[in-house]
Protein backbone atom coordinates (compact mmCIF):
# COMPACT_ATOMS: atom_id res chain seq x y z
CA MET A 1 -8.14 -8.74 -29.79
CA PRO A 2 -7.77 -8.81 -26.00
CA ASP A 3 -6.44 -5.60 -24.50
CA LEU A 4 -5.24 -7.08 -21.19
CA LEU A 5 -1.61 -8.14 -20.65
CA PHE A 6 -0.07 -9.98 -17.69
CA VAL A 7 3.59 -9.14 -17.01
CA TYR A 8 5.81 -10.94 -14.50
CA GLY A 9 9.40 -9.82 -15.13
CA THR A 10 11.27 -6.83 -16.50
CA LEU A 11 8.06 -5.03 -17.51
CA ARG A 12 6.68 -4.83 -13.96
CA GLN A 13 6.47 -1.65 -11.92
CA GLY A 14 9.73 -0.88 -10.16
CA ASN A 15 11.91 -1.71 -13.17
CA THR A 16 13.79 1.19 -14.76
CA ASN A 17 14.32 -0.16 -18.28
CA ALA A 18 12.97 1.59 -21.37
CA MET A 19 10.32 -1.04 -22.10
CA ALA A 20 8.86 -0.88 -18.59
CA ALA A 21 8.56 2.88 -19.12
CA TYR A 22 6.99 2.27 -22.55
CA LEU A 23 4.37 -0.05 -21.03
CA ALA A 24 3.60 2.43 -18.24
CA ALA A 25 3.09 5.18 -20.85
CA HIS A 26 0.86 3.06 -23.11
CA ALA A 27 -1.20 1.07 -20.62
CA GLU A 28 -3.17 1.39 -17.43
CA PHE A 29 -2.36 -0.76 -14.40
CA VAL A 30 -5.45 -2.85 -13.56
CA THR A 31 -4.45 -5.15 -10.70
CA GLY A 32 -1.90 -7.53 -9.32
CA GLY A 33 -2.54 -11.21 -9.82
CA TRP A 34 -1.10 -14.61 -10.55
CA PHE A 35 -0.78 -17.20 -13.30
CA GLN A 36 -0.65 -20.98 -12.74
CA GLY A 37 2.90 -21.61 -13.83
CA GLN A 38 6.57 -21.96 -12.95
CA MET A 39 9.20 -19.22 -13.23
CA TYR A 40 12.86 -19.71 -14.16
CA GLN A 41 15.88 -17.41 -14.15
CA ILE A 42 16.84 -17.32 -17.84
CA SER A 43 19.43 -14.53 -17.73
CA TYR A 44 18.85 -11.12 -16.15
CA TYR A 45 15.18 -11.82 -16.94
CA PRO A 46 12.75 -14.63 -16.12
CA GLY A 47 10.86 -17.12 -18.23
CA VAL A 48 7.54 -18.70 -17.33
CA ILE A 49 5.93 -21.95 -18.39
CA ALA A 50 2.37 -23.12 -17.65
CA SER A 51 1.88 -25.74 -14.94
CA GLU A 52 -0.83 -28.23 -14.06
CA GLN A 53 0.09 -28.02 -10.34
CA PRO A 54 -2.38 -25.77 -8.47
CA ASP A 55 0.30 -24.55 -6.05
CA ASP A 56 2.58 -23.30 -8.85
CA ARG A 57 2.04 -19.56 -9.05
CA VAL A 58 3.72 -16.76 -10.93
CA PHE A 59 2.97 -13.30 -9.56
CA GLY A 60 2.71 -10.19 -11.66
CA GLU A 61 0.57 -7.33 -12.89
CA VAL A 62 -2.30 -6.93 -15.32
CA TYR A 63 -2.40 -3.93 -17.64
CA ARG A 64 -5.08 -2.63 -20.00
CA LEU A 65 -3.29 -1.66 -23.20
CA ASN A 66 -4.07 1.54 -25.08
CA HIS A 67 -4.14 0.70 -28.80
CA ALA A 68 -3.46 -2.96 -28.02
CA GLN A 69 -2.39 -4.05 -31.50
CA ALA A 70 0.29 -1.34 -31.79
CA VAL A 71 1.58 -1.83 -28.23
CA LEU A 72 1.72 -5.60 -28.62
CA ALA A 73 3.71 -5.23 -31.84
CA VAL A 74 6.35 -3.25 -29.91
CA LEU A 75 6.33 -5.73 -27.01
CA ASP A 76 6.52 -8.70 -29.40
CA ASP A 77 9.69 -7.16 -30.80
CA TYR A 78 11.07 -6.67 -27.25
CA GLU A 79 10.27 -10.30 -26.40
CA GLU A 80 11.72 -11.30 -29.80
CA CYS A 81 8.65 -13.29 -30.77
CA GLY A 82 7.44 -11.24 -33.72
CA ILE A 83 7.31 -12.74 -37.20
CA GLN A 84 10.61 -11.02 -38.05
CA HIS A 85 12.43 -13.09 -35.41
CA THR A 86 13.88 -16.58 -35.83
CA GLN A 87 11.40 -19.29 -34.90
CA PRO A 88 10.89 -21.03 -32.63
CA ALA A 89 11.19 -17.83 -30.64
CA GLU A 90 12.28 -17.75 -27.01
CA TYR A 91 8.79 -16.54 -26.04
CA GLN A 92 5.31 -17.00 -27.41
CA ARG A 93 2.44 -14.62 -26.69
CA VAL A 94 -0.68 -16.61 -25.77
CA LYS A 95 -4.11 -15.96 -24.28
CA THR A 96 -4.77 -17.23 -20.77
CA HIS A 97 -6.72 -16.40 -17.63
CA ILE A 98 -5.28 -14.65 -14.59
CA LEU A 99 -6.55 -14.73 -11.03
CA ALA A 100 -6.64 -11.11 -9.85
CA SER A 101 -5.56 -10.12 -6.34
CA ASP A 102 -9.22 -9.60 -5.39
CA GLY A 103 -10.19 -13.11 -6.55
CA ARG A 104 -11.73 -12.21 -9.93
CA VAL A 105 -10.82 -14.34 -12.92
CA LEU A 106 -9.67 -12.15 -15.80
CA GLU A 107 -9.79 -13.52 -19.35
CA PRO A 108 -8.68 -13.40 -22.01
CA VAL A 109 -5.32 -11.97 -20.96
CA TRP A 110 -2.11 -12.04 -23.01
CA ILE A 111 1.04 -13.52 -21.45
CA TYR A 112 4.51 -14.24 -22.83
CA LEU A 113 5.44 -17.88 -22.15
CA TYR A 114 8.96 -19.27 -22.44
CA GLN A 115 9.52 -21.91 -25.14
CA TRP A 116 13.18 -22.91 -25.08
CA PRO A 117 14.74 -25.75 -23.01
CA LEU A 118 15.13 -25.10 -19.30
CA VAL A 119 18.23 -27.27 -18.83
CA GLY A 120 20.57 -25.50 -16.41
CA LYS A 121 18.03 -22.77 -15.56
CA ALA A 122 17.23 -22.24 -11.87
CA ARG A 123 13.61 -22.20 -10.82
CA ILE A 124 12.43 -19.09 -8.97
CA ALA A 125 10.39 -20.93 -6.36
CA SER A 126 8.63 -17.81 -5.02
CA GLY A 127 7.17 -17.11 -8.46
CA ASP A 128 7.88 -13.42 -7.86
CA PHE A 129 10.62 -11.92 -10.03
CA MET A 130 10.61 -8.60 -8.13
CA GLN A 131 11.32 -10.49 -4.88
CA GLN A 132 14.13 -12.35 -6.68
CA VAL A 133 15.62 -9.07 -7.96
CA GLN A 134 15.72 -7.66 -4.42
CA MET A 135 17.60 -10.77 -3.21
CA ILE A 136 20.35 -10.47 -5.86
């Protein structure tokens, strides 16, 4: 099981919620990086979908999880995509590759991708949720 996780929203550094603190306590920051995708404002949190367009980038952080299986079980519950949640879930945890800030390709890396319709959801064109939060 991969032990790397890419986060792009409420789990990033600088957030003060309980799950961001949980991740910081149970993982080691590896690097900043980006995913080839598009970001949308879902509510107070973002959702990301994969994109075929090379200029579509979602910025975030890569973490190495301590005890990956246990930490991912907690995060799956937070993202409401565990088996105990109604399916299809809002998010799905999938393996992908991430381009690190220094140009390295990291894989496999877990990411939570959004699965519900995007009708009426505004795109976050910068691909950077932390930049969006500062603008609100």
